Amino acid sequence: MSFGFSDLAWLPIGVSLVVGQIFMTLFFTVLFGKPWAVAYGPGKTPKEHTKEVPGYTYAIGAACTLAMTLCIAILQTALGVSGIGDALALGVLLSVGLVAASITPGYAFLRRWNAYVFVLASQVALLLIISAVLGAWPR
């Protein structure tokens, strides 16, 4: 496998990063704010949970979304993925083989199954969204 970063389409990478960050914000606030706060710490309200989260964790989240976006873009470029169908197929493969396989053991040891469901769902959805946005972009 050989390619340069100049082979990547940077505009869709930037769009995917923004869309991913918006999705994650909505997922953990509007869509599942209360259940996530309870799973994070029993008896917590979303407001209490938000106060406990240090500000730098949002930068870490953005950096991780950027890393995920770049990796998906590199894989799609190297594999010649084009179109939403191919992109989603790759996304499902990555979701099962990497996301679920890497998240599940930690939550199994912690026995935090309520939090696990939210984390797994958010990461799989994020990966599929990013992959679809990148795959939909004309090459």
N, C-alpha and C. Protein backbone atom coordinates (compact mmCIF):
# COMPACT_ATOMS: atom_id res chain seq x y z
N MET A 1 0.86 -1.17 0.00
CA MET A 1 0.00 0.00 0.00
C MET A 1 0.90 1.23 0.00
N SER A 2 0.66 2.08 -0.95
CA SER A 2 1.49 3.27 -1.06
C SER A 2 0.63 4.44 -1.54
N PHE A 3 0.69 5.49 -0.79
CA PHE A 3 0.02 6.73 -1.19
C PHE A 3 0.54 7.85 -0.31
N GLY A 4 0.28 9.08 -0.72
CA GLY A 4 0.69 10.22 0.07
C GLY A 4 -0.52 10.93 0.64
N PHE A 5 -0.29 11.74 1.64
CA PHE A 5 -1.40 12.48 2.22
C PHE A 5 -2.01 13.44 1.22
N SER A 6 -1.27 13.76 0.17
CA SER A 6 -1.83 14.63 -0.87
C SER A 6 -2.92 13.90 -1.67
N ASP A 7 -2.96 12.56 -1.56
CA ASP A 7 -4.00 11.77 -2.23
C ASP A 7 -5.35 11.88 -1.52
N LEU A 8 -5.35 12.34 -0.29
CA LEU A 8 -6.58 12.42 0.49
C LEU A 8 -7.39 13.65 0.09
N ALA A 9 -8.69 13.52 0.18
CA ALA A 9 -9.60 14.63 -0.08
C ALA A 9 -9.84 15.37 1.24
N TRP A 10 -9.21 16.51 1.40
CA TRP A 10 -9.20 17.20 2.69
C TRP A 10 -10.52 17.89 3.02
N LEU A 11 -11.25 18.37 2.04
CA LEU A 11 -12.53 19.01 2.32
C LEU A 11 -13.51 18.01 2.95
N PRO A 12 -13.70 16.82 2.37
CA PRO A 12 -14.60 15.86 3.03
C PRO A 12 -14.10 15.41 4.40
N ILE A 13 -12.79 15.39 4.59
CA ILE A 13 -12.26 15.06 5.92
C ILE A 13 -12.68 16.13 6.91
N GLY A 14 -12.55 17.39 6.54
CA GLY A 14 -12.98 18.48 7.42
C GLY A 14 -14.47 18.45 7.69
N VAL A 15 -15.25 18.21 6.64
CA VAL A 15 -16.71 18.13 6.81
C VAL A 15 -17.07 16.96 7.72
N SER A 16 -16.42 15.82 7.53
CA SER A 16 -16.68 14.64 8.37
C SER A 16 -16.35 14.91 9.82
N LEU A 17 -15.27 15.62 10.06
CA LEU A 17 -14.89 15.97 11.43
C LEU A 17 -15.96 16.84 12.09
N VAL A 18 -16.42 17.85 11.38
CA VAL A 18 -17.46 18.74 11.92
C VAL A 18 -18.76 17.98 12.15
N VAL A 19 -19.18 17.20 11.16
CA VAL A 19 -20.41 16.42 11.29
C VAL A 19 -20.29 15.44 12.46
N GLY A 20 -19.13 14.81 12.59
CA GLY A 20 -18.91 13.87 13.70
C GLY A 20 -19.00 14.54 15.06
N GLN A 21 -18.42 15.71 15.19
CA GLN A 21 -18.47 16.43 16.46
C GLN A 21 -19.90 16.88 16.79
N ILE A 22 -20.61 17.31 15.78
CA ILE A 22 -22.01 17.70 16.00
C ILE A 22 -22.82 16.49 16.43
N PHE A 23 -22.62 15.36 15.75
CA PHE A 23 -23.34 14.14 16.11
C PHE A 23 -23.05 13.74 17.55
N MET A 24 -21.78 13.73 17.95
CA MET A 24 -21.43 13.30 19.30
C MET A 24 -22.03 14.24 20.35
N THR A 25 -22.03 15.52 20.08
CA THR A 25 -22.63 16.48 21.01
C THR A 25 -24.11 16.21 21.16
N LEU A 26 -24.80 16.03 20.04
CA LEU A 26 -26.24 15.75 20.10
C LEU A 26 -26.53 14.40 20.76
N PHE A 27 -25.70 13.41 20.48
CA PHE A 27 -25.91 12.07 21.04
C PHE A 27 -25.89 12.11 22.56
N PHE A 28 -24.87 12.78 23.12
CA PHE A 28 -24.69 12.77 24.58
C PHE A 28 -25.41 13.91 25.31
N THR A 29 -26.14 14.74 24.57
CA THR A 29 -26.91 15.80 25.23
C THR A 29 -28.40 15.66 24.90
N VAL A 30 -28.75 15.97 23.68
CA VAL A 30 -30.16 16.00 23.28
C VAL A 30 -30.77 14.60 23.22
N LEU A 31 -30.10 13.68 22.54
CA LEU A 31 -30.68 12.35 22.32
C LEU A 31 -30.67 11.47 23.57
N PHE A 32 -29.52 11.41 24.26
CA PHE A 32 -29.39 10.48 25.39
C PHE A 32 -28.73 11.11 26.61
N GLY A 33 -28.92 12.41 26.80
CA GLY A 33 -28.27 13.11 27.91
C GLY A 33 -28.60 12.54 29.27
N LYS A 34 -29.88 12.36 29.56
CA LYS A 34 -30.27 11.86 30.88
C LYS A 34 -29.86 10.41 31.10
N PRO A 35 -30.17 9.49 30.17
CA PRO A 35 -29.74 8.11 30.41
C PRO A 35 -28.21 7.97 30.47
N TRP A 36 -27.48 8.77 29.69
CA TRP A 36 -26.03 8.71 29.74
C TRP A 36 -25.52 9.20 31.09
N ALA A 37 -26.09 10.27 31.61
CA ALA A 37 -25.67 10.78 32.91
C ALA A 37 -25.90 9.74 34.00
N VAL A 38 -27.02 9.04 33.94
CA VAL A 38 -27.32 8.00 34.92
C VAL A 38 -26.35 6.83 34.77
N ALA A 39 -26.06 6.43 33.52
CA ALA A 39 -25.12 5.32 33.28
C ALA A 39 -23.72 5.71 33.71
N TYR A 40 -23.37 6.96 33.53
CA TYR A 40 -22.05 7.47 33.89
C TYR A 40 -21.85 7.45 35.40
N GLY A 41 -22.88 7.85 36.12
CA GLY A 41 -22.81 7.86 37.58
C GLY A 41 -24.22 7.82 38.13
N PRO A 42 -24.63 6.70 38.71
CA PRO A 42 -26.01 6.58 39.20
C PRO A 42 -26.41 7.79 40.06
N GLY A 43 -27.62 8.27 39.78
CA GLY A 43 -28.15 9.41 40.52
C GLY A 43 -27.75 10.75 39.95
N LYS A 44 -26.95 10.75 38.90
CA LYS A 44 -26.48 12.01 38.31
C LYS A 44 -27.53 12.57 37.35
N THR A 45 -27.63 13.87 37.36
CA THR A 45 -28.44 14.56 36.36
C THR A 45 -27.49 14.97 35.23
N PRO A 46 -28.02 15.26 34.05
CA PRO A 46 -27.13 15.72 32.97
C PRO A 46 -26.31 16.94 33.37
N LYS A 47 -26.91 17.85 34.13
CA LYS A 47 -26.19 19.06 34.54
C LYS A 47 -25.03 18.71 35.49
N GLU A 48 -25.28 17.80 36.45
CA GLU A 48 -24.22 17.37 37.37
C GLU A 48 -23.10 16.66 36.61
N HIS A 49 -23.50 15.83 35.67
CA HIS A 49 -22.51 15.10 34.87
C HIS A 49 -21.64 16.08 34.09
N THR A 50 -22.25 17.05 33.43
CA THR A 50 -21.52 18.03 32.63
C THR A 50 -20.52 18.80 33.48
N LYS A 51 -20.90 19.16 34.71
CA LYS A 51 -20.00 19.90 35.60
C LYS A 51 -18.78 19.06 35.99
N GLU A 52 -18.93 17.74 36.04
CA GLU A 52 -17.83 16.86 36.44
C GLU A 52 -16.84 16.59 35.32
N VAL A 53 -17.24 16.86 34.09
CA VAL A 53 -16.38 16.55 32.96
C VAL A 53 -15.42 17.72 32.74
N PRO A 54 -14.10 17.47 32.85
CA PRO A 54 -13.13 18.54 32.61
C PRO A 54 -13.18 19.01 31.16
N GLY A 55 -12.96 20.28 30.95
CA GLY A 55 -13.05 20.87 29.62
C GLY A 55 -12.13 20.23 28.60
N TYR A 56 -10.94 19.78 29.04
CA TYR A 56 -9.99 19.21 28.09
C TYR A 56 -10.49 17.90 27.46
N THR A 57 -11.48 17.26 28.08
CA THR A 57 -11.98 16.01 27.49
C THR A 57 -12.66 16.26 26.15
N TYR A 58 -13.19 17.45 25.94
CA TYR A 58 -13.80 17.77 24.65
C TYR A 58 -12.73 17.87 23.56
N ALA A 59 -11.57 18.40 23.90
CA ALA A 59 -10.45 18.45 22.95
C ALA A 59 -9.95 17.04 22.65
N ILE A 60 -9.91 16.19 23.67
CA ILE A 60 -9.51 14.79 23.45
C ILE A 60 -10.50 14.11 22.51
N GLY A 61 -11.79 14.34 22.73
CA GLY A 61 -12.81 13.77 21.85
C GLY A 61 -12.65 14.23 20.41
N ALA A 62 -12.37 15.52 20.22
CA ALA A 62 -12.18 16.06 18.87
C ALA A 62 -10.94 15.45 18.22
N ALA A 63 -9.87 15.29 19.00
CA ALA A 63 -8.64 14.68 18.46
C ALA A 63 -8.89 13.23 18.06
N CYS A 64 -9.66 12.51 18.85
CA CYS A 64 -9.99 11.11 18.53
C CYS A 64 -10.88 11.03 17.30
N THR A 65 -11.83 11.96 17.16
CA THR A 65 -12.67 11.99 15.97
C THR A 65 -11.83 12.30 14.73
N LEU A 66 -10.87 13.19 14.87
CA LEU A 66 -9.97 13.49 13.76
C LEU A 66 -9.15 12.25 13.40
N ALA A 67 -8.62 11.54 14.39
CA ALA A 67 -7.86 10.33 14.12
C ALA A 67 -8.72 9.28 13.41
N MET A 68 -9.95 9.11 13.87
CA MET A 68 -10.86 8.15 13.24
C MET A 68 -11.14 8.57 11.80
N THR A 69 -11.39 9.85 11.58
CA THR A 69 -11.69 10.36 10.25
C THR A 69 -10.51 10.15 9.30
N LEU A 70 -9.31 10.46 9.75
CA LEU A 70 -8.12 10.28 8.92
C LEU A 70 -7.90 8.81 8.59
N CYS A 71 -8.07 7.93 9.57
CA CYS A 71 -7.88 6.50 9.32
C CYS A 71 -8.88 5.96 8.32
N ILE A 72 -10.13 6.37 8.45
CA ILE A 72 -11.16 5.92 7.51
C ILE A 72 -10.85 6.46 6.11
N ALA A 73 -10.45 7.73 6.03
CA ALA A 73 -10.13 8.33 4.73
C ALA A 73 -8.94 7.60 4.09
N ILE A 74 -7.93 7.28 4.86
CA ILE A 74 -6.77 6.55 4.35
C ILE A 74 -7.18 5.17 3.84
N LEU A 75 -7.98 4.45 4.64
CA LEU A 75 -8.44 3.12 4.23
C LEU A 75 -9.30 3.19 2.97
N GLN A 76 -10.23 4.15 2.94
CA GLN A 76 -11.08 4.27 1.75
C GLN A 76 -10.25 4.58 0.51
N THR A 77 -9.26 5.43 0.64
CA THR A 77 -8.40 5.77 -0.49
C THR A 77 -7.59 4.56 -0.92
N ALA A 78 -6.98 3.89 0.02
CA ALA A 78 -6.13 2.73 -0.29
C ALA A 78 -6.93 1.58 -0.88
N LEU A 79 -8.17 1.40 -0.41
CA LEU A 79 -9.00 0.29 -0.89
C LEU A 79 -9.85 0.65 -2.10
N GLY A 80 -9.82 1.92 -2.49
CA GLY A 80 -10.62 2.35 -3.64
C GLY A 80 -12.11 2.37 -3.37
N VAL A 81 -12.48 2.64 -2.13
CA VAL A 81 -13.89 2.69 -1.77
C VAL A 81 -14.53 3.91 -2.42
N SER A 82 -15.67 3.69 -3.06
CA SER A 82 -16.40 4.82 -3.61
C SER A 82 -17.89 4.54 -3.47
N GLY A 83 -18.60 5.54 -3.06
CA GLY A 83 -20.04 5.41 -2.88
C GLY A 83 -20.39 5.07 -1.44
N ILE A 84 -21.61 5.40 -1.10
CA ILE A 84 -22.08 5.21 0.28
C ILE A 84 -22.17 3.72 0.64
N GLY A 85 -22.59 2.89 -0.30
CA GLY A 85 -22.72 1.46 -0.02
C GLY A 85 -21.40 0.83 0.38
N ASP A 86 -20.35 1.08 -0.42
CA ASP A 86 -19.02 0.56 -0.08
C ASP A 86 -18.53 1.15 1.24
N ALA A 87 -18.78 2.44 1.43
CA ALA A 87 -18.32 3.11 2.65
C ALA A 87 -18.99 2.52 3.89
N LEU A 88 -20.29 2.24 3.79
CA LEU A 88 -21.00 1.65 4.93
C LEU A 88 -20.55 0.21 5.18
N ALA A 89 -20.27 -0.53 4.11
CA ALA A 89 -19.76 -1.90 4.28
C ALA A 89 -18.42 -1.87 5.03
N LEU A 90 -17.53 -0.97 4.64
CA LEU A 90 -16.26 -0.82 5.35
C LEU A 90 -16.52 -0.39 6.79
N GLY A 91 -17.48 0.51 6.99
CA GLY A 91 -17.82 0.98 8.33
C GLY A 91 -18.31 -0.15 9.23
N VAL A 92 -19.12 -1.04 8.69
CA VAL A 92 -19.61 -2.19 9.48
C VAL A 92 -18.44 -3.10 9.85
N LEU A 93 -17.55 -3.36 8.89
CA LEU A 93 -16.38 -4.19 9.15
C LEU A 93 -15.52 -3.59 10.26
N LEU A 94 -15.25 -2.30 10.17
CA LEU A 94 -14.45 -1.62 11.20
C LEU A 94 -15.17 -1.58 12.54
N SER A 95 -16.49 -1.42 12.50
CA SER A 95 -17.27 -1.37 13.74
C SER A 95 -17.18 -2.67 14.52
N VAL A 96 -17.30 -3.78 13.81
CA VAL A 96 -17.25 -5.09 14.48
C VAL A 96 -15.81 -5.46 14.83
N GLY A 97 -14.91 -5.31 13.84
CA GLY A 97 -13.54 -5.78 14.03
C GLY A 97 -12.67 -4.90 14.90
N LEU A 98 -12.97 -3.63 14.98
CA LEU A 98 -12.13 -2.73 15.77
C LEU A 98 -12.87 -2.06 16.92
N VAL A 99 -13.99 -1.41 16.63
CA VAL A 99 -14.69 -0.65 17.67
C VAL A 99 -15.23 -1.59 18.76
N ALA A 100 -16.10 -2.50 18.37
CA ALA A 100 -16.69 -3.41 19.36
C ALA A 100 -15.62 -4.27 20.02
N ALA A 101 -14.67 -4.74 19.22
CA ALA A 101 -13.62 -5.61 19.77
C ALA A 101 -12.70 -4.88 20.74
N SER A 102 -12.55 -3.58 20.60
CA SER A 102 -11.67 -2.86 21.52
C SER A 102 -12.40 -2.26 22.72
N ILE A 103 -13.67 -1.96 22.57
CA ILE A 103 -14.43 -1.35 23.67
C ILE A 103 -14.97 -2.40 24.64
N THR A 104 -15.43 -3.51 24.13
CA THR A 104 -16.13 -4.50 24.94
C THR A 104 -15.32 -5.03 26.13
N PRO A 105 -14.06 -5.42 25.96
CA PRO A 105 -13.34 -5.99 27.12
C PRO A 105 -13.25 -5.05 28.32
N GLY A 106 -12.98 -3.77 28.07
CA GLY A 106 -12.86 -2.81 29.17
C GLY A 106 -14.14 -2.69 29.97
N TYR A 107 -15.24 -2.59 29.27
CA TYR A 107 -16.53 -2.47 29.96
C TYR A 107 -16.93 -3.79 30.62
N ALA A 108 -16.50 -4.91 30.06
CA ALA A 108 -16.78 -6.21 30.68
C ALA A 108 -16.04 -6.31 32.01
N PHE A 109 -14.79 -5.89 32.05
CA PHE A 109 -14.03 -5.93 33.30
C PHE A 109 -14.60 -4.96 34.32
N LEU A 110 -15.05 -3.80 33.84
CA LEU A 110 -15.63 -2.80 34.75
C LEU A 110 -17.07 -3.15 35.14
N ARG A 111 -17.70 -4.02 34.37
CA ARG A 111 -19.11 -4.38 34.56
C ARG A 111 -20.00 -3.13 34.52
N ARG A 112 -19.72 -2.27 33.56
CA ARG A 112 -20.48 -1.03 33.36
C ARG A 112 -21.29 -1.15 32.08
N TRP A 113 -22.20 -2.12 32.05
CA TRP A 113 -22.93 -2.44 30.84
C TRP A 113 -23.85 -1.31 30.39
N ASN A 114 -24.41 -0.53 31.32
CA ASN A 114 -25.27 0.59 30.91
C ASN A 114 -24.46 1.63 30.14
N ALA A 115 -23.29 1.96 30.65
CA ALA A 115 -22.44 2.92 29.96
C ALA A 115 -21.91 2.34 28.64
N TYR A 116 -21.62 1.05 28.65
CA TYR A 116 -21.10 0.37 27.46
C TYR A 116 -22.04 0.52 26.27
N VAL A 117 -23.33 0.35 26.51
CA VAL A 117 -24.31 0.44 25.42
C VAL A 117 -24.23 1.81 24.75
N PHE A 118 -24.13 2.86 25.54
CA PHE A 118 -24.07 4.22 24.97
C PHE A 118 -22.76 4.46 24.24
N VAL A 119 -21.66 4.02 24.83
CA VAL A 119 -20.36 4.24 24.20
C VAL A 119 -20.27 3.45 22.89
N LEU A 120 -20.65 2.18 22.93
CA LEU A 120 -20.60 1.38 21.71
C LEU A 120 -21.51 1.97 20.63
N ALA A 121 -22.74 2.30 20.99
CA ALA A 121 -23.68 2.86 20.01
C ALA A 121 -23.16 4.17 19.42
N SER A 122 -22.61 5.03 20.26
CA SER A 122 -22.12 6.32 19.76
C SER A 122 -20.93 6.14 18.84
N GLN A 123 -20.00 5.25 19.19
CA GLN A 123 -18.81 5.06 18.37
C GLN A 123 -19.12 4.37 17.05
N VAL A 124 -20.00 3.38 17.08
CA VAL A 124 -20.39 2.71 15.83
C VAL A 124 -21.13 3.70 14.92
N ALA A 125 -22.06 4.45 15.47
CA ALA A 125 -22.79 5.44 14.67
C ALA A 125 -21.83 6.49 14.12
N LEU A 126 -20.90 6.96 14.95
CA LEU A 126 -19.93 7.95 14.51
C LEU A 126 -19.10 7.40 13.35
N LEU A 127 -18.61 6.19 13.49
CA LEU A 127 -17.80 5.58 12.45
C LEU A 127 -18.60 5.45 11.14
N LEU A 128 -19.84 5.01 11.24
CA LEU A 128 -20.67 4.86 10.04
C LEU A 128 -20.98 6.21 9.39
N ILE A 129 -21.24 7.21 10.21
CA ILE A 129 -21.52 8.56 9.68
C ILE A 129 -20.30 9.11 8.95
N ILE A 130 -19.14 9.03 9.59
CA ILE A 130 -17.91 9.53 8.97
C ILE A 130 -17.63 8.78 7.67
N SER A 131 -17.74 7.46 7.71
CA SER A 131 -17.47 6.65 6.53
C SER A 131 -18.44 7.00 5.40
N ALA A 132 -19.71 7.19 5.73
CA ALA A 132 -20.71 7.54 4.72
C ALA A 132 -20.43 8.91 4.10
N VAL A 133 -20.09 9.89 4.94
CA VAL A 133 -19.80 11.23 4.41
C VAL A 133 -18.59 11.17 3.48
N LEU A 134 -17.54 10.49 3.90
CA LEU A 134 -16.35 10.37 3.07
C LEU A 134 -16.65 9.61 1.77
N GLY A 135 -17.43 8.53 1.89
CA GLY A 135 -17.74 7.72 0.72
C GLY A 135 -18.66 8.40 -0.27
N ALA A 136 -19.50 9.28 0.22
CA ALA A 136 -20.46 9.98 -0.64
C ALA A 136 -19.79 11.07 -1.47
N TRP A 137 -18.62 11.51 -1.00
CA TRP A 137 -17.94 12.62 -1.68
C TRP A 137 -17.36 12.12 -3.00
N PRO A 138 -17.60 12.85 -4.09
CA PRO A 138 -17.03 12.41 -5.38
C PRO A 138 -15.50 12.48 -5.36
N ARG A 139 -14.89 11.50 -5.95
CA ARG A 139 -13.41 11.47 -6.01
C ARG A 139 -12.91 12.05 -7.31
